[in-house]
PDB file of all heavy atoms in Angstrom:
ATOM      1  N   ARG A   1       4.440  -0.211  -3.305  1.00  0.00           N
ATOM      2  CA  ARG A   1       4.395  -1.556  -2.637  1.00  0.00           C
ATOM      3  C   ARG A   1       5.503  -1.644  -1.527  1.00  0.00           C
ATOM      4  O   ARG A   1       5.245  -2.329  -0.526  1.00  0.00           O
ATOM      5  CB  ARG A   1       4.558  -2.481  -3.722  1.00  0.00           C
ATOM      6  CG  ARG A   1       3.214  -2.830  -4.603  1.00  0.00           C
ATOM      7  CD  ARG A   1       3.478  -3.970  -5.506  1.00  0.00           C
ATOM      8  NE  ARG A   1       4.241  -3.535  -6.717  1.00  0.00           N
ATOM      9  CZ  ARG A   1       4.974  -4.327  -7.418  1.00  0.00           C
ATOM     10  NH1 ARG A   1       5.146  -5.586  -7.190  1.00  0.00           N
ATOM     11  NH2 ARG A   1       5.567  -3.856  -8.460  1.00  0.00           N
ATOM     12  N   ILE A   2       6.642  -1.024  -1.688  1.00  0.00           N
ATOM     13  CA  ILE A   2       7.593  -1.046  -0.661  1.00  0.00           C
ATOM     14  C   ILE A   2       7.032  -0.058   0.471  1.00  0.00           C
ATOM     15  O   ILE A   2       7.430  -0.491   1.612  1.00  0.00           O
ATOM     16  CB  ILE A   2       9.017  -0.634  -1.267  1.00  0.00           C
ATOM     17  CG1 ILE A   2      10.087  -1.111  -0.261  1.00  0.00           C
ATOM     18  CG2 ILE A   2       9.074   0.942  -1.343  1.00  0.00           C
ATOM     19  CD1 ILE A   2      10.289  -2.592  -0.337  1.00  0.00           C
ATOM     20  N   GLY A   3       6.324   0.886   0.170  1.00  0.00           N
ATOM     21  CA  GLY A   3       5.753   1.632   1.183  1.00  0.00           C
ATOM     22  C   GLY A   3       4.749   0.830   2.006  1.00  0.00           C
ATOM     23  O   GLY A   3       4.709   0.960   3.210  1.00  0.00           O
ATOM     24  N   LEU A   4       3.969  -0.034   1.384  1.00  0.00           N
ATOM     25  CA  LEU A   4       3.028  -0.758   1.974  1.00  0.00           C
ATOM     26  C   LEU A   4       3.731  -1.804   2.842  1.00  0.00           C
ATOM     27  O   LEU A   4       3.288  -2.160   4.060  1.00  0.00           O
ATOM     28  CB  LEU A   4       2.025  -1.524   0.994  1.00  0.00           C
ATOM     29  CG  LEU A   4       0.999  -2.453   1.567  1.00  0.00           C
ATOM     30  CD1 LEU A   4       0.145  -1.563   2.468  1.00  0.00           C
ATOM     31  CD2 LEU A   4       0.091  -2.958   0.520  1.00  0.00           C
ATOM     32  N   ALA A   5       4.752  -2.339   2.305  1.00  0.00           N
ATOM     33  CA  ALA A   5       5.683  -3.349   3.083  1.00  0.00           C
ATOM     34  C   ALA A   5       6.187  -2.724   4.338  1.00  0.00           C
ATOM     35  O   ALA A   5       6.200  -3.318   5.520  1.00  0.00           O
ATOM     36  CB  ALA A   5       6.694  -3.888   2.251  1.00  0.00           C
ATOM     37  N   GLN A   6       6.729  -1.436   4.313  1.00  0.00           N
ATOM     38  CA  GLN A   6       7.154  -0.819   5.488  1.00  0.00           C
ATOM     39  C   GLN A   6       6.086  -0.453   6.524  1.00  0.00           C
ATOM     40  O   GLN A   6       6.288  -0.484   7.808  1.00  0.00           O
ATOM     41  CB  GLN A   6       8.009   0.532   5.184  1.00  0.00           C
ATOM     42  CG  GLN A   6       7.151   1.705   4.691  1.00  0.00           C
ATOM     43  CD  GLN A   6       6.388   2.511   5.669  1.00  0.00           C
ATOM     44  OE1 GLN A   6       6.862   2.508   6.871  1.00  0.00           O
ATOM     45  NE2 GLN A   6       5.355   3.032   5.305  1.00  0.00           N
ATOM     46  N   ALA A   7       4.781  -0.260   6.035  1.00  0.00           N
ATOM     47  CA  ALA A   7       3.751  -0.070   6.961  1.00  0.00           C
ATOM     48  C   ALA A   7       3.385  -1.325   7.686  1.00  0.00           C
ATOM     49  O   ALA A   7       2.788  -1.274   8.845  1.00  0.00           O
ATOM     50  CB  ALA A   7       2.549   0.504   6.179  1.00  0.00           C
ATOM     51  N   LEU A   8       3.750  -2.480   7.087  1.00  0.00           N
ATOM     52  CA  LEU A   8       3.455  -3.825   7.695  1.00  0.00           C
ATOM     53  C   LEU A   8       4.678  -4.370   8.491  1.00  0.00           C
ATOM     54  O   LEU A   8       4.351  -5.546   9.084  1.00  0.00           O
ATOM     55  CB  LEU A   8       3.040  -4.743   6.567  1.00  0.00           C
ATOM     56  CG  LEU A   8       1.844  -4.397   5.774  1.00  0.00           C
ATOM     57  CD1 LEU A   8       1.738  -5.218   4.555  1.00  0.00           C
ATOM     58  CD2 LEU A   8       0.491  -4.749   6.629  1.00  0.00           C
ATOM     59  N   ILE A   9       5.769  -3.742   8.587  1.00  0.00           N
ATOM     60  CA  ILE A   9       6.980  -4.315   9.106  1.00  0.00           C
ATOM     61  C   ILE A   9       6.703  -4.790  10.564  1.00  0.00           C
ATOM     62  O   ILE A   9       7.317  -5.693  10.959  1.00  0.00           O
ATOM     63  CB  ILE A   9       8.191  -3.363   8.943  1.00  0.00           C
ATOM     64  CG1 ILE A   9       9.455  -4.042   9.194  1.00  0.00           C
ATOM     65  CG2 ILE A   9       8.010  -2.121   9.765  1.00  0.00           C
ATOM     66  CD1 ILE A   9       9.901  -5.039   8.189  1.00  0.00           C
ATOM     67  N   ASN A  10       6.037  -3.985  11.377  1.00  0.00           N
ATOM     68  CA  ASN A  10       5.872  -4.361  12.681  1.00  0.00           C
ATOM     69  C   ASN A  10       4.637  -5.059  13.136  1.00  0.00           C
ATOM     70  O   ASN A  10       4.174  -5.278  14.196  1.00  0.00           O
ATOM     71  CB  ASN A  10       5.870  -3.009  13.547  1.00  0.00           C
ATOM     72  CG  ASN A  10       4.646  -2.170  13.226  1.00  0.00           C
ATOM     73  OD1 ASN A  10       4.257  -2.256  12.042  1.00  0.00           O
ATOM     74  ND2 ASN A  10       4.064  -1.385  14.165  1.00  0.00           N
ATOM     75  N   GLU A  11       4.149  -5.785  12.006  1.00  0.00           N
ATOM     76  CA  GLU A  11       2.946  -6.641  12.059  1.00  0.00           C
ATOM     77  C   GLU A  11       1.767  -5.852  12.730  1.00  0.00           C
ATOM     78  O   GLU A  11       1.229  -6.434  13.765  1.00  0.00           O
ATOM     79  CB  GLU A  11       3.311  -8.023  12.879  1.00  0.00           C
ATOM     80  CG  GLU A  11       4.416  -8.712  12.198  1.00  0.00           C
ATOM     81  CD  GLU A  11       4.727 -10.067  12.842  1.00  0.00           C
ATOM     82  OE1 GLU A  11       3.694 -10.924  12.972  1.00  0.00           O
ATOM     83  OE2 GLU A  11       5.747 -10.196  13.512  1.00  0.00           O
ATOM     84  N   PRO A  12       1.340  -4.825  12.235  1.00  0.00           N
ATOM     85  CA  PRO A  12       0.249  -4.059  12.799  1.00  0.00           C
ATOM     86  C   PRO A  12      -1.020  -4.756  12.674  1.00  0.00           C
ATOM     87  O   PRO A  12      -1.284  -5.490  11.773  1.00  0.00           O
ATOM     88  CB  PRO A  12       0.291  -2.655  12.111  1.00  0.00           C
ATOM     89  CG  PRO A  12       0.769  -3.105  10.806  1.00  0.00           C
ATOM     90  CD  PRO A  12       1.774  -4.243  11.003  1.00  0.00           C
ATOM     91  N   ARG A  13      -1.970  -4.297  13.514  1.00  0.00           N
ATOM     92  CA  ARG A  13      -3.381  -4.816  13.479  1.00  0.00           C
ATOM     93  C   ARG A  13      -4.324  -3.856  12.677  1.00  0.00           C
ATOM     94  O   ARG A  13      -5.221  -4.176  12.129  1.00  0.00           O
ATOM     95  CB  ARG A  13      -3.947  -5.039  14.886  1.00  0.00           C
ATOM     96  CG  ARG A  13      -3.411  -6.234  15.567  1.00  0.00           C
ATOM     97  CD  ARG A  13      -4.254  -6.467  16.776  1.00  0.00           C
ATOM     98  NE  ARG A  13      -4.160  -5.481  17.752  1.00  0.00           N
ATOM     99  CZ  ARG A  13      -5.110  -5.245  18.752  1.00  0.00           C
ATOM    100  NH1 ARG A  13      -6.177  -5.993  18.795  1.00  0.00           N
ATOM    101  NH2 ARG A  13      -4.938  -4.270  19.629  1.00  0.00           N
ATOM    102  N   LEU A  14      -3.777  -2.534  12.561  1.00  0.00           N
ATOM    103  CA  LEU A  14      -4.506  -1.481  11.848  1.00  0.00           C
ATOM    104  C   LEU A  14      -3.505  -0.761  10.918  1.00  0.00           C
ATOM    105  O   LEU A  14      -2.344  -0.491  11.339  1.00  0.00           O
ATOM    106  CB  LEU A  14      -5.045  -0.555  12.788  1.00  0.00           C
ATOM    107  CG  LEU A  14      -5.502   0.785  12.200  1.00  0.00           C
ATOM    108  CD1 LEU A  14      -6.746   0.554  11.414  1.00  0.00           C
ATOM    109  CD2 LEU A  14      -5.754   1.861  13.261  1.00  0.00           C
ATOM    110  N   VAL A  15      -3.868  -0.738   9.739  1.00  0.00           N
ATOM    111  CA  VAL A  15      -3.080  -0.051   8.626  1.00  0.00           C
ATOM    112  C   VAL A  15      -3.844   1.208   8.108  1.00  0.00           C
ATOM    113  O   VAL A  15      -4.917   1.004   7.625  1.00  0.00           O
ATOM    114  CB  VAL A  15      -2.530  -0.943   7.533  1.00  0.00           C
ATOM    115  CG1 VAL A  15      -1.723  -0.220   6.476  1.00  0.00           C
ATOM    116  CG2 VAL A  15      -1.789  -2.050   8.109  1.00  0.00           C
ATOM    117  N   VAL A  16      -3.163   2.375   8.160  1.00  0.00           N
ATOM    118  CA  VAL A  16      -3.789   3.655   7.675  1.00  0.00           C
ATOM    119  C   VAL A  16      -3.048   3.982   6.366  1.00  0.00           C
ATOM    120  O   VAL A  16      -1.850   4.182   6.322  1.00  0.00           O
ATOM    121  CB  VAL A  16      -3.631   4.786   8.768  1.00  0.00           C
ATOM    122  CG1 VAL A  16      -4.230   5.983   8.208  1.00  0.00           C
ATOM    123  CG2 VAL A  16      -4.319   4.314  10.051  1.00  0.00           C
ATOM    124  N   LEU A  17      -3.974   4.229   5.388  1.00  0.00           N
ATOM    125  CA  LEU A  17      -3.294   4.453   3.980  1.00  0.00           C
ATOM    126  C   LEU A  17      -3.991   5.811   3.473  1.00  0.00           C
ATOM    127  O   LEU A  17      -5.191   5.965   3.382  1.00  0.00           O
ATOM    128  CB  LEU A  17      -3.682   3.373   2.987  1.00  0.00           C
ATOM    129  CG  LEU A  17      -3.215   1.914   3.450  1.00  0.00           C
ATOM    130  CD1 LEU A  17      -3.767   0.907   2.464  1.00  0.00           C
ATOM    131  CD2 LEU A  17      -1.867   1.800   3.524  1.00  0.00           C
ATOM    132  N   ASP A  18      -3.195   6.726   3.098  1.00  0.00           N
ATOM    133  CA  ASP A  18      -3.614   8.005   2.595  1.00  0.00           C
ATOM    134  C   ASP A  18      -3.290   7.900   1.009  1.00  0.00           C
ATOM    135  O   ASP A  18      -2.279   8.083   0.592  1.00  0.00           O
ATOM    136  CB  ASP A  18      -2.807   9.086   3.213  1.00  0.00           C
ATOM    137  CG  ASP A  18      -3.379  10.471   2.846  1.00  0.00           C
ATOM    138  OD1 ASP A  18      -4.496  10.502   2.158  1.00  0.00           O
ATOM    139  OD2 ASP A  18      -3.072  11.522   3.395  1.00  0.00           O
ATOM    140  N   GLU A  19      -4.382   7.813   0.233  1.00  0.00           N
ATOM    141  CA  GLU A  19      -4.384   7.766  -1.216  1.00  0.00           C
ATOM    142  C   GLU A  19      -3.327   6.620  -1.628  1.00  0.00           C
ATOM    143  O   GLU A  19      -2.326   6.942  -2.268  1.00  0.00           O
ATOM    144  CB  GLU A  19      -3.934   9.098  -1.814  1.00  0.00           C
ATOM    145  CG  GLU A  19      -5.045  10.197  -1.515  1.00  0.00           C
ATOM    146  CD  GLU A  19      -6.325  10.152  -2.261  1.00  0.00           C
ATOM    147  OE1 GLU A  19      -6.504   9.176  -3.047  1.00  0.00           O
ATOM    148  OE2 GLU A  19      -7.141  10.930  -1.984  1.00  0.00           O
ATOM    149  N   PRO A  20      -3.530   5.298  -1.328  1.00  0.00           N
ATOM    150  CA  PRO A  20      -2.476   4.375  -1.553  1.00  0.00           C
ATOM    151  C   PRO A  20      -2.144   4.102  -3.096  1.00  0.00           C
ATOM    152  O   PRO A  20      -1.147   3.553  -3.344  1.00  0.00           O
ATOM    153  CB  PRO A  20      -3.188   3.035  -0.750  1.00  0.00           C
ATOM    154  CG  PRO A  20      -4.545   3.371  -0.922  1.00  0.00           C
ATOM    155  CD  PRO A  20      -4.774   4.854  -0.778  1.00  0.00           C
ATOM    156  N   THR A  21      -3.107   4.472  -3.965  1.00  0.00           N
ATOM    157  CA  THR A  21      -2.727   4.183  -5.303  1.00  0.00           C
ATOM    158  C   THR A  21      -2.545   5.411  -6.096  1.00  0.00           C
ATOM    159  O   THR A  21      -2.778   5.496  -7.430  1.00  0.00           O
ATOM    160  CB  THR A  21      -4.000   3.378  -5.979  1.00  0.00           C
ATOM    161  OG1 THR A  21      -5.174   4.018  -5.872  1.00  0.00           O
ATOM    162  CG2 THR A  21      -4.018   2.027  -5.260  1.00  0.00           C
ATOM    163  N   ALA A  22      -2.391   6.555  -5.518  1.00  0.00           N
ATOM    164  CA  ALA A  22      -2.186   7.914  -6.316  1.00  0.00           C
ATOM    165  C   ALA A  22      -1.091   7.895  -7.208  1.00  0.00           C
ATOM    166  O   ALA A  22       0.094   7.453  -6.797  1.00  0.00           O
ATOM    167  CB  ALA A  22      -2.100   9.058  -5.315  1.00  0.00           C
ATOM    168  N   GLY A  23      -1.261   8.092  -8.432  1.00  0.00           N
ATOM    169  CA  GLY A  23      -0.193   8.071  -9.534  1.00  0.00           C
ATOM    170  C   GLY A  23       0.323   6.752  -9.958  1.00  0.00           C
ATOM    171  O   GLY A  23       1.317   6.705 -10.674  1.00  0.00           O
ATOM    172  N   VAL A  24      -0.449   5.719  -9.546  1.00  0.00           N
ATOM    173  CA  VAL A  24       0.135   4.298  -9.933  1.00  0.00           C
ATOM    174  C   VAL A  24      -0.742   3.929 -11.235  1.00  0.00           C
ATOM    175  O   VAL A  24      -1.920   4.099 -11.251  1.00  0.00           O
ATOM    176  CB  VAL A  24      -0.238   3.373  -8.676  1.00  0.00           C
ATOM    177  CG1 VAL A  24       0.356   2.029  -9.167  1.00  0.00           C
ATOM    178  CG2 VAL A  24       0.576   3.868  -7.605  1.00  0.00           C
ATOM    179  N   ASP A  25      -0.035   3.162 -12.068  1.00  0.00           N
ATOM    180  CA  ASP A  25      -0.762   2.697 -13.203  1.00  0.00           C
ATOM    181  C   ASP A  25      -1.731   1.599 -13.050  1.00  0.00           C
ATOM    182  O   ASP A  25      -1.839   1.046 -11.868  1.00  0.00           O
ATOM    183  CB  ASP A  25       0.277   2.314 -14.403  1.00  0.00           C
ATOM    184  CG  ASP A  25       1.123   1.077 -13.831  1.00  0.00           C
ATOM    185  OD1 ASP A  25       0.575   0.293 -13.074  1.00  0.00           O
ATOM    186  OD2 ASP A  25       2.290   0.886 -14.342  1.00  0.00           O
ATOM    187  N   PRO A  26      -2.461   1.343 -13.922  1.00  0.00           N
ATOM    188  CA  PRO A  26      -3.696   0.282 -13.717  1.00  0.00           C
ATOM    189  C   PRO A  26      -3.170  -1.036 -13.114  1.00  0.00           C
ATOM    190  O   PRO A  26      -3.670  -1.640 -12.311  1.00  0.00           O
ATOM    191  CB  PRO A  26      -4.406   0.175 -14.966  1.00  0.00           C
ATOM    192  CG  PRO A  26      -4.186   1.330 -15.737  1.00  0.00           C
ATOM    193  CD  PRO A  26      -2.847   1.974 -15.252  1.00  0.00           C
ATOM    194  N   ALA A  27      -2.019  -1.439 -13.640  1.00  0.00           N
ATOM    195  CA  ALA A  27      -1.532  -2.878 -13.223  1.00  0.00           C
ATOM    196  C   ALA A  27      -1.077  -2.655 -11.807  1.00  0.00           C
ATOM    197  O   ALA A  27      -1.286  -3.652 -10.980  1.00  0.00           O
ATOM    198  CB  ALA A  27      -0.363  -3.308 -14.091  1.00  0.00           C
ATOM    199  N   GLY A  28      -0.291  -1.667 -11.446  1.00  0.00           N
ATOM    200  CA  GLY A  28       0.164  -1.421  -9.966  1.00  0.00           C
ATOM    201  C   GLY A  28      -1.050  -1.296  -9.164  1.00  0.00           C
ATOM    202  O   GLY A  28      -0.915  -1.744  -8.047  1.00  0.00           O
ATOM    203  N   THR A  29      -2.002  -0.416  -9.601  1.00  0.00           N
ATOM    204  CA  THR A  29      -3.280  -0.277  -8.735  1.00  0.00           C
ATOM    205  C   THR A  29      -3.900  -1.733  -8.447  1.00  0.00           C
ATOM    206  O   THR A  29      -4.264  -1.973  -7.262  1.00  0.00           O
ATOM    207  CB  THR A  29      -4.256   0.549  -9.423  1.00  0.00           C
ATOM    208  OG1 THR A  29      -3.559   1.902  -9.590  1.00  0.00           O
ATOM    209  CG2 THR A  29      -5.462   0.745  -8.586  1.00  0.00           C
ATOM    210  N   ARG A  30      -4.088  -2.492  -9.504  1.00  0.00           N
ATOM    211  CA  ARG A  30      -4.604  -3.770  -9.279  1.00  0.00           C
ATOM    212  C   ARG A  30      -3.883  -4.604  -8.098  1.00  0.00           C
ATOM    213  O   ARG A  30      -4.361  -5.304  -7.302  1.00  0.00           O
ATOM    214  CB  ARG A  30      -4.675  -4.612 -10.586  1.00  0.00           C
ATOM    215  CG  ARG A  30      -5.158  -5.902 -10.608  1.00  0.00           C
ATOM    216  CD  ARG A  30      -6.678  -5.957 -10.450  1.00  0.00           C
ATOM    217  NE  ARG A  30      -7.036  -5.945  -8.972  1.00  0.00           N
ATOM    218  CZ  ARG A  30      -8.206  -5.591  -8.548  1.00  0.00           C
ATOM    219  NH1 ARG A  30      -9.162  -5.219  -9.317  1.00  0.00           N
ATOM    220  NH2 ARG A  30      -8.440  -5.821  -7.254  1.00  0.00           N
ATOM    221  N   ALA A  31      -2.500  -4.570  -8.242  1.00  0.00           N
ATOM    222  CA  ALA A  31      -1.616  -5.363  -7.410  1.00  0.00           C
ATOM    223  C   ALA A  31      -1.951  -4.856  -5.836  1.00  0.00           C
ATOM    224  O   ALA A  31      -2.092  -5.604  -4.937  1.00  0.00           O
ATOM    225  CB  ALA A  31      -0.334  -5.230  -7.819  1.00  0.00           C
ATOM    226  N   ILE A  32      -1.953  -3.493  -5.691  1.00  0.00           N
ATOM    227  CA  ILE A  32      -2.173  -2.906  -4.413  1.00  0.00           C
ATOM    228  C   ILE A  32      -3.491  -3.312  -3.878  1.00  0.00           C
ATOM    229  O   ILE A  32      -3.595  -3.589  -2.611  1.00  0.00           O
ATOM    230  CB  ILE A  32      -1.914  -1.488  -4.508  1.00  0.00           C
ATOM    231  CG1 ILE A  32      -0.378  -1.138  -4.687  1.00  0.00           C
ATOM    232  CG2 ILE A  32      -2.375  -0.824  -3.060  1.00  0.00           C
ATOM    233  CD1 ILE A  32      -0.204   0.279  -5.061  1.00  0.00           C
ATOM    234  N   CYS A  33      -4.595  -3.226  -4.757  1.00  0.00           N
ATOM    235  CA  CYS A  33      -5.864  -3.569  -4.133  1.00  0.00           C
ATOM    236  C   CYS A  33      -5.981  -5.049  -3.777  1.00  0.00           C
ATOM    237  O   CYS A  33      -6.429  -5.336  -2.772  1.00  0.00           O
ATOM    238  CB  CYS A  33      -6.854  -3.248  -5.282  1.00  0.00           C
ATOM    239  SG  CYS A  33      -7.223  -1.469  -5.513  1.00  0.00           S
TER     240      CYS A  33
END
């Protein structure tokens, strides 16, 4: 989630995510989705 926040820091129009929920538990995965 902090990684997603840093990807958004410059207010991008396009965000590229490589396996964004890899190794994350179900609750964390739900939050990211």
